[in-house]
Amino acid sequence: MKVIPILPAVQEEGQGLYVSERKVYPRSVQGVFARWRWIFVGLTQLVFYGLPWLQWNDRQAVLFDLGARRFYLFGAVLYPQDFIYLTALLVISALSLFLFTAVAGRLWCGFACPQTVYTEMFLWIEHKVEGDRQARMKLDAGGFSLEKLVKKWFKHILWLGLAIWTGFTFVGYFTPITELGLEFLQTRMGSWEVFWVFFYGFATYGNAGFMREQVCKYMCPYARFQSAMFDKDTLIVSYDTARGEPRGSRSRKVDHEAEGLGSCVDCSLCVQVCPTGIDIRKGLQYECIGCAACVDVCDGVMDKMNYPRGLIRFTTQNALANAPAASAREYIVRRVLRPRVLVYATVLLVLVAGLMTSLALRTPLKVDVVRDRAALARIVAGGRLENVYRLQVMNATEQPQRYRISAEGLEGLALASDAEIEVGPAESRWVAVRLQIPYGSAAAGPHPIHFGIQAVGGDAHVREKSMFLVPR
């Protein structure tokens, strides 16, 4: 596998190695990709903020009830024993990221990553309160004033409100959100839920309000290992050096080709709109999150200069080097179906199909068998040898169920306790089960047996292995 080097942004001349991180003031931008970014902001937050309030069978549709050790996903009730599904989901998510990155670079980072989404929302509030880029820079550079105090306080109050609501919603996935709301209304500030609301809220406030691009550049591991998933056919935001150089300012009326100039007018707007503060004209850098803000603003400049769009665009290194502009799109599409992409896609489809099949065939019944260590084996009335077990029967449906218990594996093995039990909807129940055999009918030592738990009037059936102990 060939690794594409991704260099950090070039050190500014005159700066030492140990300097404070300069604050980035992204300029607002309009364009196709800016609209798509806000569409993804709307979709992701509609799901995030709205899902906890969605009801399903008189309960919260999506709820990870850690206290009761039950997880509700619409019509499915999952128990800790179903942890394998979470593992499969994480593997599928990781593989999807590999596939998406190999094809289209860091589009996840630029359009749907929570850090990007909340930074975009916080920046929008900042822009509405403090003004555009120049106004914000002037406000921060100026001394103390009543205007500065009012604007700063108002901005931070709005930020805190959004952050606390975000933390409240997040915790609402782990405790019923209506109960969580009552705790806040009753000012019961001692519960763990309230602690995590403020913890997650202040994490959002700090990451999206202050750290912003530093999370992407220094904290997120994805920026560091992305080069291992890139190749020269990966779609990335690129500056067309052959067309843009030599750059320089000029009048619209000037024939730049006759003057020996490229299409870049050196306006630096691509730097001003970048949320991580890089100059895309210096080449591919690990700080680039693929948000395409520079593409939108550069296309706007090209329109004003009556130049063709695409000086900065989504393309691949191979397309820039080998394909003329007229056929670049066809070249990129043709190279999408390359071996590594096909391998990623095939493995991903197999895993998704396996997960869906497993969920569809999943038995809505879980059983754990635990031997009663207080009485491993004993002689009871009638000259019979008895072992005692504890069965945890978990009903993974939302209707009450009646289950029949049976056992097999030894000659004369009989159930000496109740053969049928009832378990409420989405509940688990511990039940003591006594098994007996005629004394002397089996040799000393452990003997394998099997418990059978069958839903009365249903198809759910579970078979669990255990041991019957015959003392010496």
Protein backbone atom coordinates (compact mmCIF):
# COMPACT_ATOMS: atom_id res chain seq x y z
CA MET A 1 0.00 0.00 0.00
CA LYS A 2 1.46 3.33 -1.03
CA VAL A 3 1.05 6.07 1.56
CA ILE A 4 0.41 9.60 0.33
CA PRO A 5 2.41 12.12 2.41
CA ILE A 6 0.26 14.84 3.93
CA LEU A 7 2.36 17.73 5.14
CA PRO A 8 1.47 20.17 7.92
CA ALA A 9 0.88 23.78 7.07
CA VAL A 10 4.11 25.67 6.42
CA GLN A 11 5.52 27.61 9.39
CA GLU A 12 4.92 31.33 8.98
CA GLU A 13 8.13 33.30 8.46
CA GLY A 14 9.39 34.93 11.60
CA GLN A 15 7.55 32.64 13.99
CA GLY A 16 9.37 30.59 16.57
CA LEU A 17 8.73 26.97 17.35
CA TYR A 18 6.85 27.80 20.55
CA VAL A 19 4.14 30.35 19.82
CA SER A 20 0.55 30.64 20.95
CA GLU A 21 -2.06 29.22 18.60
CA ARG A 22 -3.44 32.07 16.53
CA LYS A 23 -7.19 32.41 16.66
CA VAL A 24 -8.91 31.60 13.39
CA TYR A 25 -11.69 33.93 12.27
CA PRO A 26 -13.46 32.06 9.46
CA ARG A 27 -15.21 34.28 6.95
CA SER A 28 -18.82 33.39 6.13
CA VAL A 29 -19.27 31.93 2.66
CA GLN A 30 -22.17 31.16 0.33
CA GLY A 31 -22.24 28.43 -2.27
CA VAL A 32 -23.22 24.90 -3.18
CA PHE A 33 -21.08 23.18 -0.56
CA ALA A 34 -22.05 25.69 2.14
CA ARG A 35 -25.70 24.82 1.50
CA TRP A 36 -24.93 21.11 1.67
CA ARG A 37 -23.08 21.65 4.93
CA TRP A 38 -26.13 23.32 6.48
CA ILE A 39 -28.37 20.56 5.12
CA PHE A 40 -26.26 18.02 7.00
CA VAL A 41 -26.28 20.21 10.10
CA GLY A 42 -30.07 20.24 9.96
CA LEU A 43 -30.44 16.51 9.31
CA THR A 44 -27.98 15.37 11.99
CA GLN A 45 -29.41 17.67 14.65
CA LEU A 46 -32.99 16.81 13.75
CA VAL A 47 -32.15 13.17 14.43
CA PHE A 48 -30.05 13.89 17.53
CA TYR A 49 -32.43 16.32 19.24
CA GLY A 50 -35.65 14.68 18.06
CA LEU A 51 -35.02 10.96 18.54
CA PRO A 52 -35.23 10.91 22.37
CA TRP A 53 -38.73 12.42 22.20
CA LEU A 54 -40.02 9.82 19.75
CA GLN A 55 -42.37 7.31 21.39
CA TRP A 56 -42.72 3.63 20.54
CA ASN A 57 -45.19 1.29 22.29
CA ASP A 58 -45.71 3.79 25.11
CA ARG A 59 -41.98 4.14 25.77
CA GLN A 60 -39.01 6.03 24.41
CA ALA A 61 -38.14 4.65 20.97
CA VAL A 62 -34.36 4.75 21.50
CA LEU A 63 -33.22 4.27 25.09
CA PHE A 64 -30.04 2.72 26.51
CA ASP A 65 -31.27 1.97 30.02
CA LEU A 66 -28.03 1.23 31.85
CA GLY A 67 -29.74 0.81 35.23
CA ALA A 68 -32.10 -1.88 33.99
CA ARG A 69 -29.48 -3.27 31.58
CA ARG A 70 -31.86 -3.10 28.67
CA PHE A 71 -31.48 -1.25 25.40
CA TYR A 72 -34.48 -0.29 23.30
CA LEU A 73 -34.11 0.35 19.57
CA PHE A 74 -37.62 0.93 18.27
CA GLY A 75 -39.17 -2.57 18.27
CA ALA A 76 -36.03 -4.42 19.44
CA VAL A 77 -35.18 -5.07 23.08
CA LEU A 78 -31.49 -5.88 23.61
CA TYR A 79 -29.67 -7.19 26.68
CA PRO A 80 -25.95 -7.08 27.61
CA GLN A 81 -25.71 -10.57 26.14
CA ASP A 82 -26.37 -8.94 22.75
CA PHE A 83 -23.09 -7.00 22.99
CA ILE A 84 -21.94 -8.79 19.83
CA TYR A 85 -24.29 -6.55 17.83
CA LEU A 86 -22.59 -3.43 19.15
CA THR A 87 -19.21 -4.92 18.25
CA ALA A 88 -20.44 -5.65 14.73
CA LEU A 89 -21.84 -2.13 14.43
CA LEU A 90 -18.50 -0.60 15.46
CA VAL A 91 -16.62 -2.77 12.96
CA ILE A 92 -19.06 -1.77 10.20
CA SER A 93 -18.69 1.91 11.13
CA ALA A 94 -14.89 1.70 11.02
CA LEU A 95 -14.91 -0.12 7.69
CA SER A 96 -17.40 2.39 6.29
CA LEU A 97 -15.01 5.17 7.28
CA PHE A 98 -12.16 3.40 5.49
CA LEU A 99 -14.27 2.95 2.36
CA PHE A 100 -15.58 6.50 2.36
CA THR A 101 -12.11 7.94 2.97
CA ALA A 102 -10.55 5.90 0.17
CA VAL A 103 -13.20 7.21 -2.24
CA ALA A 104 -13.90 10.77 -1.10
CA GLY A 105 -11.35 11.80 1.51
CA ARG A 106 -12.48 13.65 4.63
CA LEU A 107 -16.05 14.52 3.61
CA TRP A 108 -17.24 13.07 6.93
CA CYS A 109 -15.07 15.60 8.76
CA GLY A 110 -16.19 18.51 6.62
CA PHE A 111 -19.94 17.87 6.60
CA ALA A 112 -21.20 15.48 9.30
CA CYS A 113 -18.64 15.15 12.12
CA PRO A 114 -20.14 16.39 15.43
CA GLN A 115 -17.14 18.68 15.98
CA THR A 116 -17.73 20.31 12.59
CA VAL A 117 -21.49 20.50 13.05
CA TYR A 118 -21.37 22.16 16.47
CA THR A 119 -18.54 24.48 15.46
CA GLU A 120 -20.68 25.58 12.51
CA MET A 121 -23.62 26.25 14.83
CA PHE A 122 -21.49 28.15 17.35
CA LEU A 123 -19.89 30.20 14.56
CA TRP A 124 -23.33 31.09 13.23
CA ILE A 125 -24.31 32.43 16.68
CA GLU A 126 -21.03 34.33 16.89
CA HIS A 127 -21.55 35.84 13.45
CA LYS A 128 -25.10 36.95 14.29
CA VAL A 129 -24.06 38.55 17.59
CA GLU A 130 -20.62 40.00 16.84
CA GLY A 131 -20.75 40.51 13.08
CA ASP A 132 -18.67 39.30 10.16
CA ARG A 133 -14.98 38.40 10.19
CA GLN A 134 -13.61 41.94 10.19
CA ALA A 135 -16.06 43.05 12.89
CA ARG A 136 -15.08 40.13 15.13
CA MET A 137 -11.38 40.78 14.67
CA LYS A 138 -11.86 44.47 15.42
CA LEU A 139 -13.97 43.70 18.50
CA ASP A 140 -11.34 41.31 19.91
CA ALA A 141 -8.48 43.70 19.17
CA GLY A 142 -10.22 46.68 20.77
CA GLY A 143 -10.11 47.61 24.43
CA PHE A 144 -12.84 47.25 27.01
CA SER A 145 -16.17 48.82 26.07
CA LEU A 146 -19.83 48.42 26.94
CA GLU A 147 -20.54 47.15 23.41
CA LYS A 148 -17.85 44.48 23.73
CA LEU A 149 -19.10 43.43 27.18
CA VAL A 150 -22.73 43.11 26.03
CA LYS A 151 -21.91 41.24 22.82
CA LYS A 152 -19.49 38.84 24.49
CA TRP A 153 -21.84 38.04 27.36
CA PHE A 154 -24.84 37.61 25.06
CA LYS A 155 -22.85 35.29 22.77
CA HIS A 156 -21.69 33.13 25.65
CA ILE A 157 -25.18 32.94 27.15
CA LEU A 158 -26.48 31.62 23.81
CA TRP A 159 -23.55 29.22 23.55
CA LEU A 160 -24.17 27.89 27.05
CA GLY A 161 -27.88 27.46 26.36
CA LEU A 162 -27.19 25.42 23.23
CA ALA A 163 -24.47 23.41 24.98
CA ILE A 164 -26.62 22.54 28.01
CA TRP A 165 -29.52 21.55 25.75
CA THR A 166 -27.10 19.32 23.84
CA GLY A 167 -25.93 17.69 27.09
CA PHE A 168 -29.53 17.26 28.23
CA THR A 169 -30.40 15.53 24.95
CA PHE A 170 -27.35 13.27 25.11
CA VAL A 171 -28.17 12.06 28.63
CA GLY A 172 -31.77 11.62 27.44
CA TYR A 173 -30.58 8.61 25.45
CA PHE A 174 -29.57 6.87 28.71
CA THR A 175 -32.38 7.87 31.04
CA PRO A 176 -35.98 8.58 29.94
CA ILE A 177 -35.88 12.17 28.78
CA THR A 178 -39.24 13.07 30.34
CA GLU A 179 -37.99 11.90 33.75
CA LEU A 180 -34.79 13.85 33.18
CA GLY A 181 -36.83 16.96 32.44
CA LEU A 182 -38.76 16.55 35.69
CA GLU A 183 -35.49 16.35 37.62
CA PHE A 184 -34.47 19.71 36.21
CA LEU A 185 -37.88 21.26 36.86
CA GLN A 186 -37.78 20.02 40.45
CA THR A 187 -34.15 21.24 40.76
CA ARG A 188 -32.95 17.86 42.02
CA MET A 189 -29.33 18.70 41.33
CA GLY A 190 -27.76 15.74 43.11
CA SER A 191 -28.41 12.99 40.57
CA TRP A 192 -25.74 11.54 38.29
CA GLU A 193 -27.84 12.43 35.26
CA VAL A 194 -27.62 16.15 36.06
CA PHE A 195 -23.84 15.84 36.48
CA TRP A 196 -23.46 14.29 33.03
CA VAL A 197 -25.76 16.88 31.46
CA PHE A 198 -23.43 19.65 32.60
CA PHE A 199 -20.30 17.60 31.87
CA TYR A 200 -21.31 16.94 28.27
CA GLY A 201 -22.68 20.46 27.93
CA PHE A 202 -19.43 22.11 29.01
CA ALA A 203 -17.46 19.71 26.77
CA THR A 204 -19.56 20.91 23.83
CA TYR A 205 -19.13 24.53 24.95
CA GLY A 206 -15.34 24.16 25.14
CA ASN A 207 -14.82 22.14 21.97
CA ALA A 208 -17.13 24.09 19.66
CA GLY A 209 -16.74 27.52 21.25
CA PHE A 210 -13.03 27.72 21.99
CA MET A 211 -10.95 24.79 20.74
CA ARG A 212 -12.67 24.42 17.36
CA GLU A 213 -10.03 23.65 14.71
CA GLN A 214 -7.53 22.55 17.38
CA VAL A 215 -9.68 19.46 18.05
CA CYS A 216 -9.39 18.52 14.37
CA LYS A 217 -5.70 19.34 14.14
CA TYR A 218 -4.32 17.98 17.41
CA MET A 219 -6.89 15.82 19.23
CA CYS A 220 -8.65 13.83 16.51
CA PRO A 221 -6.57 10.75 15.54
CA TYR A 222 -8.28 10.57 12.14
CA ALA A 223 -6.20 13.49 10.84
CA ARG A 224 -3.03 11.57 11.68
CA PHE A 225 -3.73 8.23 10.04
CA GLN A 226 -5.79 9.42 7.07
CA SER A 227 -2.74 9.36 4.81
CA ALA A 228 -2.66 5.57 5.15
CA MET A 229 -6.13 5.45 3.53
CA PHE A 230 -5.47 8.04 0.82
CA ASP A 231 -4.05 7.25 -2.58
CA LYS A 232 -3.68 9.29 -5.75
CA ASP A 233 -7.25 8.42 -6.79
CA THR A 234 -8.84 9.70 -3.57
CA LEU A 235 -11.16 12.66 -4.04
CA ILE A 236 -9.73 15.66 -2.20
CA VAL A 237 -9.98 19.46 -2.25
CA SER A 238 -7.15 20.56 -4.54
CA TYR A 239 -5.73 23.74 -6.00
CA ASP A 240 -4.91 23.52 -9.72
CA THR A 241 -1.36 24.81 -9.64
CA ALA A 242 -0.85 24.54 -13.40
CA ARG A 243 -3.83 26.81 -14.02
CA GLY A 244 -3.47 29.15 -11.05
CA GLU A 245 0.24 30.01 -11.12
CA PRO A 246 1.82 32.45 -11.28
CA ARG A 247 -0.74 34.19 -9.12
CA GLY A 248 -1.20 37.92 -8.83
CA SER A 249 -3.76 40.68 -8.54
CA ARG A 250 -5.14 42.27 -11.68
CA SER A 251 -8.11 44.16 -13.12
CA ARG A 252 -11.02 42.26 -14.63
CA LYS A 253 -10.28 43.92 -17.97
CA VAL A 254 -6.71 42.61 -18.10
CA ASP A 255 -5.94 39.60 -20.30
CA HIS A 256 -4.12 37.63 -17.63
CA GLU A 257 -2.77 35.08 -20.09
CA ALA A 258 -1.18 37.83 -22.14
CA GLU A 259 0.36 39.21 -18.95
CA GLY A 260 1.75 35.81 -18.06
CA LEU A 261 -0.49 35.37 -15.00
CA GLY A 262 -2.45 32.36 -13.86
CA SER A 263 -6.11 32.37 -12.83
CA CYS A 264 -5.41 32.94 -9.10
CA VAL A 265 -5.83 36.62 -8.24
CA ASP A 266 -4.14 36.10 -4.86
CA CYS A 267 -7.16 37.47 -2.97
CA SER A 268 -6.49 35.10 0.01
CA LEU A 269 -10.24 34.52 0.44
CA CYS A 270 -9.63 30.77 0.39
CA VAL A 271 -7.50 31.23 3.52
CA GLN A 272 -10.01 33.55 5.20
CA VAL A 273 -12.93 31.08 4.88
CA CYS A 274 -10.94 28.01 5.98
CA PRO A 275 -12.12 26.82 9.43
CA THR A 276 -8.64 25.43 10.21
CA GLY A 277 -6.77 28.46 8.86
CA ILE A 278 -4.68 26.73 6.18
CA ASP A 279 -3.77 27.84 2.67
CA ILE A 280 -4.97 25.15 0.26
CA ARG A 281 -2.64 26.55 -2.40
CA LYS A 282 0.32 25.06 -0.51
CA GLY A 283 -0.89 21.56 -1.31
CA LEU A 284 -2.61 18.73 0.57
CA GLN A 285 -2.29 19.19 4.36
CA TYR A 286 -3.52 17.02 7.19
CA GLU A 287 -5.41 20.00 8.69
CA CYS A 288 -7.75 20.12 5.68
CA ILE A 289 -11.13 18.68 6.69
CA GLY A 290 -12.62 18.71 3.17
CA CYS A 291 -15.38 21.21 3.98
CA ALA A 292 -14.98 22.86 0.53
CA ALA A 293 -15.48 26.39 1.86
CA CYS A 294 -12.49 27.40 -0.25
CA VAL A 295 -14.15 25.85 -3.32
CA ASP A 296 -17.28 27.97 -2.83
CA VAL A 297 -15.44 31.25 -2.31
CA CYS A 298 -12.99 30.64 -5.16
CA ASP A 299 -15.84 29.83 -7.56
CA GLY A 300 -17.42 33.14 -6.56
CA VAL A 301 -14.20 34.99 -7.39
CA MET A 302 -13.89 33.17 -10.72
CA ASP A 303 -17.45 34.21 -11.58
CA LYS A 304 -16.64 37.87 -10.85
CA MET A 305 -13.50 37.68 -12.99
CA ASN A 306 -15.35 35.84 -15.79
CA TYR A 307 -12.94 32.90 -15.47
CA PRO A 308 -14.00 29.25 -15.59
CA ARG A 309 -14.82 27.72 -12.21
CA GLY A 310 -12.75 24.95 -10.69
CA LEU A 311 -9.44 26.57 -9.82
CA ILE A 312 -10.00 24.96 -6.41
CA ARG A 313 -12.20 21.88 -6.67
CA PHE A 314 -12.82 18.32 -5.57
CA THR A 315 -10.56 16.18 -7.72
CA THR A 316 -7.80 13.56 -7.44
CA GLN A 317 -4.05 13.83 -7.79
CA ASN A 318 -4.07 11.49 -10.77
CA ALA A 319 -6.82 13.48 -12.46
CA LEU A 320 -4.87 16.72 -12.00
CA ALA A 321 -1.73 15.16 -13.42
CA ASN A 322 -3.10 12.96 -16.21
CA ALA A 323 -6.57 14.07 -17.31
CA PRO A 324 -7.48 17.23 -19.23
CA ALA A 325 -10.17 19.38 -17.59
CA ALA A 326 -12.80 18.27 -20.11
CA SER A 327 -12.42 14.58 -19.28
CA ALA A 328 -11.40 14.77 -15.60
CA ARG A 329 -14.84 13.77 -14.30
CA GLU A 330 -14.99 10.64 -16.45
CA TYR A 331 -11.45 9.75 -15.38
CA ILE A 332 -12.36 10.10 -11.68
CA VAL A 333 -15.53 8.01 -12.01
CA ARG A 334 -13.64 5.29 -13.86
CA ARG A 335 -10.98 5.11 -11.14
CA VAL A 336 -13.51 4.84 -8.31
CA LEU A 337 -13.89 1.09 -8.85
CA ARG A 338 -10.26 0.27 -8.08
CA PRO A 339 -9.21 -2.89 -6.16
CA ARG A 340 -9.00 -1.44 -2.62
CA VAL A 341 -12.43 0.16 -2.94
CA LEU A 342 -13.94 -3.08 -4.24
CA VAL A 343 -12.40 -5.04 -1.35
CA TYR A 344 -13.68 -2.56 1.25
CA ALA A 345 -17.15 -2.55 -0.33
CA THR A 346 -17.36 -6.35 -0.56
CA VAL A 347 -16.32 -6.91 3.06
CA LEU A 348 -18.69 -4.16 4.20
CA LEU A 349 -21.66 -5.65 2.32
CA VAL A 350 -20.94 -9.11 3.76
CA LEU A 351 -20.81 -7.72 7.32
CA VAL A 352 -23.98 -5.67 6.89
CA ALA A 353 -25.83 -8.64 5.38
CA GLY A 354 -24.62 -10.86 8.24
CA LEU A 355 -25.74 -8.35 10.87
CA MET A 356 -29.16 -7.88 9.28
CA THR A 357 -29.64 -11.63 8.96
CA SER A 358 -28.60 -12.20 12.58
CA LEU A 359 -31.01 -9.53 13.82
CA ALA A 360 -33.85 -10.95 11.72
CA LEU A 361 -33.26 -14.50 13.02
CA ARG A 362 -32.56 -13.42 16.59
CA THR A 363 -34.47 -15.36 19.25
CA PRO A 364 -36.39 -12.92 21.50
CA LEU A 365 -35.37 -14.91 24.58
CA LYS A 366 -32.17 -15.03 26.61
CA VAL A 367 -31.31 -17.50 29.39
CA ASP A 368 -28.37 -17.67 31.80
CA VAL A 369 -27.84 -20.75 33.95
CA VAL A 370 -26.00 -20.41 37.27
CA ARG A 371 -25.41 -23.28 39.68
CA ASP A 372 -26.45 -22.71 43.29
CA ARG A 373 -23.05 -22.83 45.01
CA ALA A 374 -24.65 -22.98 48.47
CA ALA A 375 -25.95 -26.50 47.80
CA LEU A 376 -24.11 -28.26 44.98
CA ALA A 377 -25.77 -31.63 45.55
CA ARG A 378 -27.94 -33.15 48.27
CA ILE A 379 -30.05 -36.20 49.10
CA VAL A 380 -33.77 -35.38 49.42
CA ALA A 381 -36.83 -37.32 50.51
CA GLY A 382 -37.52 -40.44 48.45
CA GLY A 383 -33.84 -41.29 48.08
CA ARG A 384 -33.22 -38.94 45.16
CA LEU A 385 -30.16 -36.84 44.40
CA GLU A 386 -30.90 -33.17 43.77
CA ASN A 387 -28.98 -30.26 42.20
CA VAL A 388 -30.24 -26.69 42.41
CA TYR A 389 -29.77 -24.09 39.66
CA ARG A 390 -30.72 -20.46 39.17
CA LEU A 391 -31.99 -19.49 35.74
CA GLN A 392 -32.20 -15.90 34.55
CA VAL A 393 -34.91 -15.81 31.91
CA MET A 394 -34.96 -12.59 29.85
CA ASN A 395 -38.01 -11.73 27.80
CA ALA A 396 -36.83 -9.74 24.75
CA THR A 397 -40.36 -8.96 23.57
CA GLU A 398 -42.75 -6.25 24.70
CA GLN A 399 -45.54 -8.66 25.60
CA PRO A 400 -45.81 -10.87 28.69
CA GLN A 401 -44.61 -14.40 27.96
CA ARG A 402 -45.05 -17.77 29.61
CA TYR A 403 -42.15 -20.20 29.34
CA ARG A 404 -41.92 -23.95 29.91
CA ILE A 405 -38.70 -25.33 31.44
CA SER A 406 -37.40 -28.82 30.73
CA ALA A 407 -34.10 -30.70 31.20
CA GLU A 408 -32.45 -33.73 29.63
CA GLY A 409 -29.14 -35.54 29.57
CA LEU A 410 -29.34 -38.15 32.38
CA GLU A 411 -31.44 -41.23 32.84
CA GLY A 412 -34.33 -40.50 35.21
CA LEU A 413 -33.64 -36.74 35.24
CA ALA A 414 -36.77 -34.95 36.43
CA LEU A 415 -37.80 -31.39 37.19
CA ALA A 416 -38.82 -31.00 40.83
CA SER A 417 -39.81 -27.31 40.68
CA ASP A 418 -42.43 -25.38 38.69
CA ALA A 419 -42.25 -26.27 35.02
CA GLU A 420 -43.76 -22.99 33.80
CA ILE A 421 -42.97 -19.38 34.66
CA GLU A 422 -44.31 -16.02 33.51
CA VAL A 423 -42.09 -13.07 32.63
CA GLY A 424 -43.37 -9.56 32.02
CA PRO A 425 -42.71 -7.54 28.86
CA ALA A 426 -39.01 -6.63 28.37
CA GLU A 427 -38.22 -7.98 31.83
CA SER A 428 -35.89 -10.59 33.27
CA ARG A 429 -36.65 -12.98 36.10
CA TRP A 430 -34.48 -15.21 38.26
CA VAL A 431 -36.05 -18.58 39.04
CA ALA A 432 -34.76 -21.49 41.15
CA VAL A 433 -34.84 -24.83 39.33
CA ARG A 434 -34.41 -28.17 41.11
CA LEU A 435 -33.36 -31.25 39.14
CA GLN A 436 -33.40 -34.78 40.61
CA ILE A 437 -32.22 -38.23 39.61
CA PRO A 438 -32.56 -41.60 41.43
CA TYR A 439 -29.67 -42.01 43.84
CA GLY A 440 -27.03 -44.36 42.39
CA SER A 441 -28.30 -44.09 38.82
CA ALA A 442 -25.22 -42.18 37.66
CA ALA A 443 -21.50 -42.48 38.37
CA ALA A 444 -19.77 -39.96 40.58
CA GLY A 445 -18.58 -36.78 38.93
CA PRO A 446 -20.06 -34.02 36.72
CA HIS A 447 -22.45 -34.99 33.94
CA PRO A 448 -23.47 -32.67 31.06
CA ILE A 449 -27.15 -31.80 30.86
CA HIS A 450 -29.21 -29.35 28.82
CA PHE A 451 -31.99 -27.00 29.85
CA GLY A 452 -34.74 -26.27 27.36
CA ILE A 453 -36.81 -23.09 27.69
CA GLN A 454 -39.76 -22.88 25.29
CA ALA A 455 -42.25 -20.04 24.91
CA VAL A 456 -45.77 -21.43 25.52
CA GLY A 457 -47.74 -20.82 22.34
CA GLY A 458 -44.71 -19.33 20.59
CA ASP A 459 -41.64 -20.32 18.57
CA ALA A 460 -38.96 -18.90 20.85
CA HIS A 461 -36.79 -21.68 22.20
CA VAL A 462 -33.40 -21.66 23.94
CA ARG A 463 -31.17 -24.60 24.83
CA GLU A 464 -28.48 -24.03 27.48
CA LYS A 465 -25.79 -26.40 28.70
CA SER A 466 -24.93 -27.07 32.36
CA MET A 467 -23.52 -29.84 34.57
CA PHE A 468 -25.22 -32.18 37.05
CA LEU A 469 -22.90 -33.02 39.93
CA VAL A 470 -22.96 -36.48 41.51
CA PRO A 471 -20.85 -36.54 44.72
CA ARG A 472 -18.43 -39.36 45.47
